[in-house]
Every structure is written in C-alpha cells, then in structure tokens.
C-alpha cells in the first residue's frame, strides 16, 4: 500500500492512539516514548509534511503494517 503525505499533527494523533507518551520537546522536535516496546520516537514538528522515509521508519518502530497505520490515521 502507498503511504499518504501527512502533516506532523496527524502523525502525533496516531502515536497517541497507539499509546505513545510525549516525554519532552527539544526545539521543533517532539520526543515520544512507546512503553509497549520501550522505544523513543522523534517527530519533527515543522510546517512541512513528514517525508516518506521517516514515516516508514516510525511505522516500523511501532510494529505496524501500512494497512494498520492507515486505519489508525482514518479513525
């Protein structure tokens, strides 16, 4: 499946639905903690969209398939 172009705010909503906790913000980057897998996920909160390589990397860290990610994004 093809990944959509999304804004950082949309990605943050998906992370929160998945159970990630905002730990801190350093400049324009928000650092989330994913307790289920004990991982740190960094999201750049810029005016631009999230690039597809970074989005794929974050989806992989969350142990989600593209289809599962798209379902979380829609709901």
PDB file of N, CA and C in Angstrom:
ATOM      1  N   UNK A   1       0.839  -1.196   0.000  1.00  0.00           N
ATOM      2  CA  UNK A   1       0.000   0.000   0.000  1.00  0.00           C
ATOM      3  C   UNK A   1       0.870   1.241   0.000  1.00  0.00           C
ATOM      4  N   UNK A   2       0.367   2.255  -0.631  1.00  0.00           N
ATOM      5  CA  UNK A   2       1.096   3.505  -0.732  1.00  0.00           C
ATOM      6  C   UNK A   2       0.833   4.375   0.496  1.00  0.00           C
ATOM      7  N   UNK A   3       1.886   4.979   1.003  1.00  0.00           N
ATOM      8  CA  UNK A   3       1.744   5.850   2.163  1.00  0.00           C
ATOM      9  C   UNK A   3       1.267   7.231   1.739  1.00  0.00           C
ATOM     10  N   UNK A   4       0.371   7.825   2.512  1.00  0.00           N
ATOM     11  CA  UNK A   4      -0.092   9.174   2.178  1.00  0.00           C
ATOM     12  C   UNK A   4       0.917  10.214   2.673  1.00  0.00           C
ATOM     13  N   UNK A   5       0.769  11.417   2.176  1.00  0.00           N
ATOM     14  CA  UNK A   5       1.567  12.536   2.674  1.00  0.00           C
ATOM     15  C   UNK A   5       0.783  13.114   3.846  1.00  0.00           C
ATOM     16  N   UNK A   6       1.409  13.127   5.031  1.00  0.00           N
ATOM     17  CA  UNK A   6       0.687  13.622   6.209  1.00  0.00           C
ATOM     18  C   UNK A   6       1.493  14.703   6.915  1.00  0.00           C
ATOM     19  N   UNK A   7       0.790  15.486   7.688  1.00  0.00           N
ATOM     20  CA  UNK A   7       1.416  16.542   8.476  1.00  0.00           C
ATOM     21  C   UNK A   7       1.832  15.973   9.837  1.00  0.00           C
ATOM     22  N   UNK A   8       2.767  16.621  10.503  1.00  0.00           N
ATOM     23  CA  UNK A   8       3.221  16.131  11.808  1.00  0.00           C
ATOM     24  C   UNK A   8       2.098  15.958  12.818  1.00  0.00           C
ATOM     25  N   UNK A   9       1.110  16.851  12.816  1.00  0.00           N
ATOM     26  CA  UNK A   9      -0.003  16.759  13.784  1.00  0.00           C
ATOM     27  C   UNK A   9      -0.788  15.458  13.606  1.00  0.00           C
ATOM     28  N   UNK A  10      -0.961  15.032  12.348  1.00  0.00           N
ATOM     29  CA  UNK A  10      -1.688  13.786  12.083  1.00  0.00           C
ATOM     30  C   UNK A  10      -0.901  12.591  12.606  1.00  0.00           C
ATOM     31  N   UNK A  11       0.418  12.621  12.418  1.00  0.00           N
ATOM     32  CA  UNK A  11       1.268  11.544  12.912  1.00  0.00           C
ATOM     33  C   UNK A  11       1.228  11.501  14.441  1.00  0.00           C
ATOM     34  N   UNK A  12       1.228  12.647  15.072  1.00  0.00           N
ATOM     35  CA  UNK A  12       1.183  12.704  16.535  1.00  0.00           C
ATOM     36  C   UNK A  12      -0.126  12.096  17.050  1.00  0.00           C
ATOM     37  N   UNK A  13      -1.245  12.348  16.362  1.00  0.00           N
ATOM     38  CA  UNK A  13      -2.527  11.751  16.762  1.00  0.00           C
ATOM     39  C   UNK A  13      -2.463  10.229  16.708  1.00  0.00           C
ATOM     40  N   UNK A  14      -1.828   9.690  15.655  1.00  0.00           N
ATOM     41  CA  UNK A  14      -1.692   8.235  15.526  1.00  0.00           C
ATOM     42  C   UNK A  14      -0.819   7.695  16.653  1.00  0.00           C
ATOM     43  N   UNK A  15       0.275   8.384  16.972  1.00  0.00           N
ATOM     44  CA  UNK A  15       1.159   7.939  18.053  1.00  0.00           C
ATOM     45  C   UNK A  15       0.417   7.898  19.381  1.00  0.00           C
ATOM     46  N   UNK A  16      -0.394   8.920  19.639  1.00  0.00           N
ATOM     47  CA  UNK A  16      -1.155   8.957  20.889  1.00  0.00           C
ATOM     48  C   UNK A  16      -2.195   7.849  20.938  1.00  0.00           C
ATOM     49  N   UNK A  17      -2.829   7.535  19.801  1.00  0.00           N
ATOM     50  CA  UNK A  17      -3.789   6.430  19.749  1.00  0.00           C
ATOM     51  C   UNK A  17      -3.094   5.107  20.047  1.00  0.00           C
ATOM     52  N   UNK A  18      -1.852   4.981  19.611  1.00  0.00           N
ATOM     53  CA  UNK A  18      -1.094   3.741  19.793  1.00  0.00           C
ATOM     54  C   UNK A  18      -0.540   3.624  21.221  1.00  0.00           C
ATOM     55  N   UNK A  19      -0.614   4.706  22.002  1.00  0.00           N
ATOM     56  CA  UNK A  19      -0.186   4.637  23.396  1.00  0.00           C
ATOM     57  C   UNK A  19       1.135   5.319  23.690  1.00  0.00           C
ATOM     58  N   UNK A  20       1.652   6.082  22.735  1.00  0.00           N
ATOM     59  CA  UNK A  20       2.908   6.794  22.950  1.00  0.00           C
ATOM     60  C   UNK A  20       2.679   7.991  23.872  1.00  0.00           C
ATOM     61  N   UNK A  21       3.683   8.279  24.680  1.00  0.00           N
ATOM     62  CA  UNK A  21       3.592   9.356  25.664  1.00  0.00           C
ATOM     63  C   UNK A  21       4.605  10.431  25.305  1.00  0.00           C
ATOM     64  N   UNK A  22       4.152  11.689  25.268  1.00  0.00           N
ATOM     65  CA  UNK A  22       5.057  12.803  24.996  1.00  0.00           C
ATOM     66  C   UNK A  22       5.964  12.992  26.206  1.00  0.00           C
ATOM     67  N   UNK A  23       7.258  12.834  26.002  1.00  0.00           N
ATOM     68  CA  UNK A  23       8.217  12.982  27.092  1.00  0.00           C
ATOM     69  C   UNK A  23       8.710  14.411  27.206  1.00  0.00           C
ATOM     70  N   UNK A  24       9.117  14.968  26.044  1.00  0.00           N
ATOM     71  CA  UNK A  24       9.641  16.334  26.063  1.00  0.00           C
ATOM     72  C   UNK A  24       9.651  16.879  24.642  1.00  0.00           C
ATOM     73  N   UNK A  25       9.959  18.165  24.537  1.00  0.00           N
ATOM     74  CA  UNK A  25      10.119  18.788  23.230  1.00  0.00           C
ATOM     75  C   UNK A  25      11.435  19.541  23.239  1.00  0.00           C
ATOM     76  N   UNK A  26      12.245  19.281  22.237  1.00  0.00           N
ATOM     77  CA  UNK A  26      13.516  19.977  22.096  1.00  0.00           C
ATOM     78  C   UNK A  26      13.465  20.741  20.786  1.00  0.00           C
ATOM     79  N   UNK A  27      13.317  22.045  20.870  1.00  0.00           N
ATOM     80  CA  UNK A  27      13.169  22.850  19.660  1.00  0.00           C
ATOM     81  C   UNK A  27      11.894  22.475  18.935  1.00  0.00           C
ATOM     82  N   UNK A  28      12.034  22.084  17.677  1.00  0.00           N
ATOM     83  CA  UNK A  28      10.858  21.728  16.883  1.00  0.00           C
ATOM     84  C   UNK A  28      10.688  20.217  16.766  1.00  0.00           C
ATOM     85  N   UNK A  29      11.293  19.472  17.670  1.00  0.00           N
ATOM     86  CA  UNK A  29      11.164  18.013  17.659  1.00  0.00           C
ATOM     87  C   UNK A  29      10.502  17.537  18.949  1.00  0.00           C
ATOM     88  N   UNK A  30       9.465  16.736  18.791  1.00  0.00           N
ATOM     89  CA  UNK A  30       8.791  16.155  19.956  1.00  0.00           C
ATOM     90  C   UNK A  30       9.284  14.733  20.140  1.00  0.00           C
ATOM     91  N   UNK A  31       9.619  14.409  21.362  1.00  0.00           N
ATOM     92  CA  UNK A  31      10.155  13.092  21.684  1.00  0.00           C
ATOM     93  C   UNK A  31       9.077  12.307  22.426  1.00  0.00           C
ATOM     94  N   UNK A  32       8.674  11.183  21.838  1.00  0.00           N
ATOM     95  CA  UNK A  32       7.646  10.323  22.403  1.00  0.00           C
ATOM     96  C   UNK A  32       8.284   9.043  22.914  1.00  0.00           C
ATOM     97  N   UNK A  33       7.684   8.478  23.961  1.00  0.00           N
ATOM     98  CA  UNK A  33       8.110   7.188  24.492  1.00  0.00           C
ATOM     99  C   UNK A  33       7.004   6.184  24.208  1.00  0.00           C
ATOM    100  N   UNK A  34       7.386   5.044  23.617  1.00  0.00           N
ATOM    101  CA  UNK A  34       6.438   3.976  23.306  1.00  0.00           C
ATOM    102  C   UNK A  34       6.655   2.867  24.325  1.00  0.00           C
ATOM    103  N   UNK A  35       5.862   2.842  25.419  1.00  0.00           N
ATOM    104  CA  UNK A  35       6.112   1.915  26.527  1.00  0.00           C
ATOM    105  C   UNK A  35       5.978   0.437  26.160  1.00  0.00           C
ATOM    106  N   UNK A  36       5.131   0.105  25.195  1.00  0.00           N
ATOM    107  CA  UNK A  36       4.917  -1.292  24.831  1.00  0.00           C
ATOM    108  C   UNK A  36       6.213  -1.947  24.332  1.00  0.00           C
ATOM    109  N   UNK A  37       6.995  -1.221  23.551  1.00  0.00           N
ATOM    110  CA  UNK A  37       8.256  -1.739  23.014  1.00  0.00           C
ATOM    111  C   UNK A  37       9.478  -1.055  23.621  1.00  0.00           C
ATOM    112  N   UNK A  38       9.250  -0.145  24.552  1.00  0.00           N
ATOM    113  CA  UNK A  38      10.302   0.620  25.220  1.00  0.00           C
ATOM    114  C   UNK A  38      11.212   1.307  24.209  1.00  0.00           C
ATOM    115  N   UNK A  39      10.597   2.092  23.351  1.00  0.00           N
ATOM    116  CA  UNK A  39      11.326   2.801  22.307  1.00  0.00           C
ATOM    117  C   UNK A  39      11.050   4.293  22.374  1.00  0.00           C
ATOM    118  N   UNK A  40      12.007   5.055  21.868  1.00  0.00           N
ATOM    119  CA  UNK A  40      11.881   6.502  21.749  1.00  0.00           C
ATOM    120  C   UNK A  40      11.594   6.814  20.283  1.00  0.00           C
ATOM    121  N   UNK A  41      10.613   7.672  20.034  1.00  0.00           N
ATOM    122  CA  UNK A  41      10.263   8.062  18.669  1.00  0.00           C
ATOM    123  C   UNK A  41      10.302   9.586  18.594  1.00  0.00           C
ATOM    124  N   UNK A  42      11.073  10.104  17.646  1.00  0.00           N
ATOM    125  CA  UNK A  42      11.238  11.542  17.482  1.00  0.00           C
ATOM    126  C   UNK A  42      10.428  11.992  16.272  1.00  0.00           C
ATOM    127  N   UNK A  43       9.602  13.022  16.483  1.00  0.00           N
ATOM    128  CA  UNK A  43       8.767  13.560  15.404  1.00  0.00           C
ATOM    129  C   UNK A  43       9.132  15.025  15.191  1.00  0.00           C
ATOM    130  N   UNK A  44       9.618  15.376  13.986  1.00  0.00           N
ATOM    131  CA  UNK A  44       9.890  16.789  13.701  1.00  0.00           C
ATOM    132  C   UNK A  44       8.575  17.520  13.448  1.00  0.00           C
ATOM    133  N   UNK A  45       8.344  18.592  14.174  1.00  0.00           N
ATOM    134  CA  UNK A  45       7.098  19.350  14.026  1.00  0.00           C
ATOM    135  C   UNK A  45       7.428  20.640  13.275  1.00  0.00           C
ATOM    136  N   UNK A  46       7.542  20.505  11.957  1.00  0.00           N
ATOM    137  CA  UNK A  46       7.822  21.642  11.089  1.00  0.00           C
ATOM    138  C   UNK A  46       6.570  21.963  10.290  1.00  0.00           C
ATOM    139  N   UNK A  47       6.627  23.007   9.491  1.00  0.00           N
ATOM    140  CA  UNK A  47       5.477  23.389   8.672  1.00  0.00           C
ATOM    141  C   UNK A  47       5.276  22.432   7.505  1.00  0.00           C
ATOM    142  N   UNK A  48       6.326  21.704   7.158  1.00  0.00           N
ATOM    143  CA  UNK A  48       6.247  20.786   6.018  1.00  0.00           C
ATOM    144  C   UNK A  48       5.677  19.435   6.433  1.00  0.00           C
ATOM    145  N   UNK A  49       5.406  18.602   5.427  1.00  0.00           N
ATOM    146  CA  UNK A  49       4.897  17.256   5.675  1.00  0.00           C
ATOM    147  C   UNK A  49       6.026  16.333   6.130  1.00  0.00           C
ATOM    148  N   UNK A  50       5.628  15.200   6.694  1.00  0.00           N
ATOM    149  CA  UNK A  50       6.590  14.168   7.102  1.00  0.00           C
ATOM    150  C   UNK A  50       7.030  13.430   5.838  1.00  0.00           C
ATOM    151  N   UNK A  51       8.336  13.280   5.663  1.00  0.00           N
ATOM    152  CA  UNK A  51       8.846  12.571   4.485  1.00  0.00           C
ATOM    153  C   UNK A  51       8.565  11.080   4.619  1.00  0.00           C
ATOM    154  N   UNK A  52       8.427  10.428   3.471  1.00  0.00           N
ATOM    155  CA  UNK A  52       8.004   9.026   3.453  1.00  0.00           C
ATOM    156  C   UNK A  52       8.997   8.086   4.119  1.00  0.00           C
ATOM    157  N   UNK A  53      10.286   8.356   4.001  1.00  0.00           N
ATOM    158  CA  UNK A  53      11.291   7.504   4.638  1.00  0.00           C
ATOM    159  C   UNK A  53      11.169   7.543   6.154  1.00  0.00           C
ATOM    160  N   UNK A  54      10.991   8.731   6.702  1.00  0.00           N
ATOM    161  CA  UNK A  54      10.823   8.882   8.146  1.00  0.00           C
ATOM    162  C   UNK A  54       9.519   8.234   8.599  1.00  0.00           C
ATOM    163  N   UNK A  55       8.468   8.408   7.815  1.00  0.00           N
ATOM    164  CA  UNK A  55       7.173   7.818   8.152  1.00  0.00           C
ATOM    165  C   UNK A  55       7.272   6.291   8.187  1.00  0.00           C
ATOM    166  N   UNK A  56       7.938   5.706   7.188  1.00  0.00           N
ATOM    167  CA  UNK A  56       8.137   4.248   7.167  1.00  0.00           C
ATOM    168  C   UNK A  56       8.926   3.779   8.385  1.00  0.00           C
ATOM    169  N   UNK A  57       9.944   4.539   8.749  1.00  0.00           N
ATOM    170  CA  UNK A  57      10.764   4.202   9.904  1.00  0.00           C
ATOM    171  C   UNK A  57       9.943   4.218  11.191  1.00  0.00           C
ATOM    172  N   UNK A  58       9.095   5.221  11.358  1.00  0.00           N
ATOM    173  CA  UNK A  58       8.260   5.324  12.558  1.00  0.00           C
ATOM    174  C   UNK A  58       7.241   4.192  12.590  1.00  0.00           C
ATOM    175  N   UNK A  59       6.641   3.878  11.442  1.00  0.00           N
ATOM    176  CA  UNK A  59       5.683   2.771  11.371  1.00  0.00           C
ATOM    177  C   UNK A  59       6.367   1.469  11.764  1.00  0.00           C
ATOM    178  N   UNK A  60       7.597   1.282  11.317  1.00  0.00           N
ATOM    179  CA  UNK A  60       8.361   0.075  11.648  1.00  0.00           C
ATOM    180  C   UNK A  60       8.654   0.007  13.147  1.00  0.00           C
ATOM    181  N   UNK A  61       9.003   1.141  13.751  1.00  0.00           N
ATOM    182  CA  UNK A  61       9.276   1.177  15.188  1.00  0.00           C
ATOM    183  C   UNK A  61       8.024   0.851  16.006  1.00  0.00           C
ATOM    184  N   UNK A  62       6.854   1.200  15.485  1.00  0.00           N
ATOM    185  CA  UNK A  62       5.598   0.909  16.173  1.00  0.00           C
ATOM    186  C   UNK A  62       5.129  -0.521  15.937  1.00  0.00           C
ATOM    187  N   UNK A  63       5.848  -1.273  15.117  1.00  0.00           N
ATOM    188  CA  UNK A  63       5.480  -2.645  14.728  1.00  0.00           C
ATOM    189  C   UNK A  63       4.093  -2.690  14.104  1.00  0.00           C
ATOM    190  N   UNK A  64       3.827  -1.759  13.196  1.00  0.00           N
ATOM    191  CA  UNK A  64       2.559  -1.694  12.482  1.00  0.00           C
ATOM    192  C   UNK A  64       2.777  -2.020  11.013  1.00  0.00           C
ATOM    193  N   UNK A  65       1.745  -2.557  10.378  1.00  0.00           N
ATOM    194  CA  UNK A  65       1.779  -2.677   8.930  1.00  0.00           C
ATOM    195  C   UNK A  65       1.251  -1.353   8.369  1.00  0.00           C
ATOM    196  N   UNK A  66       1.454  -1.152   7.096  1.00  0.00           N
ATOM    197  CA  UNK A  66       0.955   0.069   6.466  1.00  0.00           C
ATOM    198  C   UNK A  66      -0.565   0.139   6.577  1.00  0.00           C
ATOM    199  N   UNK A  67      -1.224  -0.995   6.409  1.00  0.00           N
ATOM    200  CA  UNK A  67      -2.684  -1.041   6.495  1.00  0.00           C
ATOM    201  C   UNK A  67      -3.168  -0.667   7.901  1.00  0.00           C
ATOM    202  N   UNK A  68      -2.505  -1.199   8.940  1.00  0.00           N
ATOM    203  CA  UNK A  68      -2.877  -0.860  10.319  1.00  0.00           C
ATOM    204  C   UNK A  68      -2.673   0.632  10.583  1.00  0.00           C
ATOM    205  N   UNK A  69      -1.569   1.171  10.071  1.00  0.00           N
ATOM    206  CA  UNK A  69      -1.302   2.591  10.250  1.00  0.00           C
ATOM    207  C   UNK A  69      -2.389   3.436   9.594  1.00  0.00           C
ATOM    208  N   UNK A  70      -2.767   3.076   8.370  1.00  0.00           N
ATOM    209  CA  UNK A  70      -3.813   3.830   7.665  1.00  0.00           C
ATOM    210  C   UNK A  70      -5.143   3.757   8.384  1.00  0.00           C
ATOM    211  N   UNK A  71      -5.461   2.615   9.003  1.00  0.00           N
ATOM    212  CA  UNK A  71      -6.700   2.500   9.783  1.00  0.00           C
ATOM    213  C   UNK A  71      -6.664   3.410  10.997  1.00  0.00           C
ATOM    214  N   UNK A  72      -5.531   3.480  11.686  1.00  0.00           N
ATOM    215  CA  UNK A  72      -5.408   4.397  12.829  1.00  0.00           C
ATOM    216  C   UNK A  72      -5.497   5.846  12.377  1.00  0.00           C
ATOM    217  N   UNK A  73      -4.957   6.131  11.214  1.00  0.00           N
ATOM    218  CA  UNK A  73      -4.969   7.501  10.690  1.00  0.00           C
ATOM    219  C   UNK A  73      -6.386   7.950  10.349  1.00  0.00           C
ATOM    220  N   UNK A  74      -7.195   7.031   9.807  1.00  0.00           N
ATOM    221  CA  UNK A  74      -8.574   7.370   9.420  1.00  0.00           C
ATOM    222  C   UNK A  74      -9.485   7.548  10.615  1.00  0.00           C
ATOM    223  N   UNK A  75      -9.309   6.738  11.664  1.00  0.00           N
ATOM    224  CA  UNK A  75     -10.218   6.769  12.828  1.00  0.00           C
ATOM    225  C   UNK A  75      -9.843   7.816  13.813  1.00  0.00           C
TER     226      UNK A  75
END
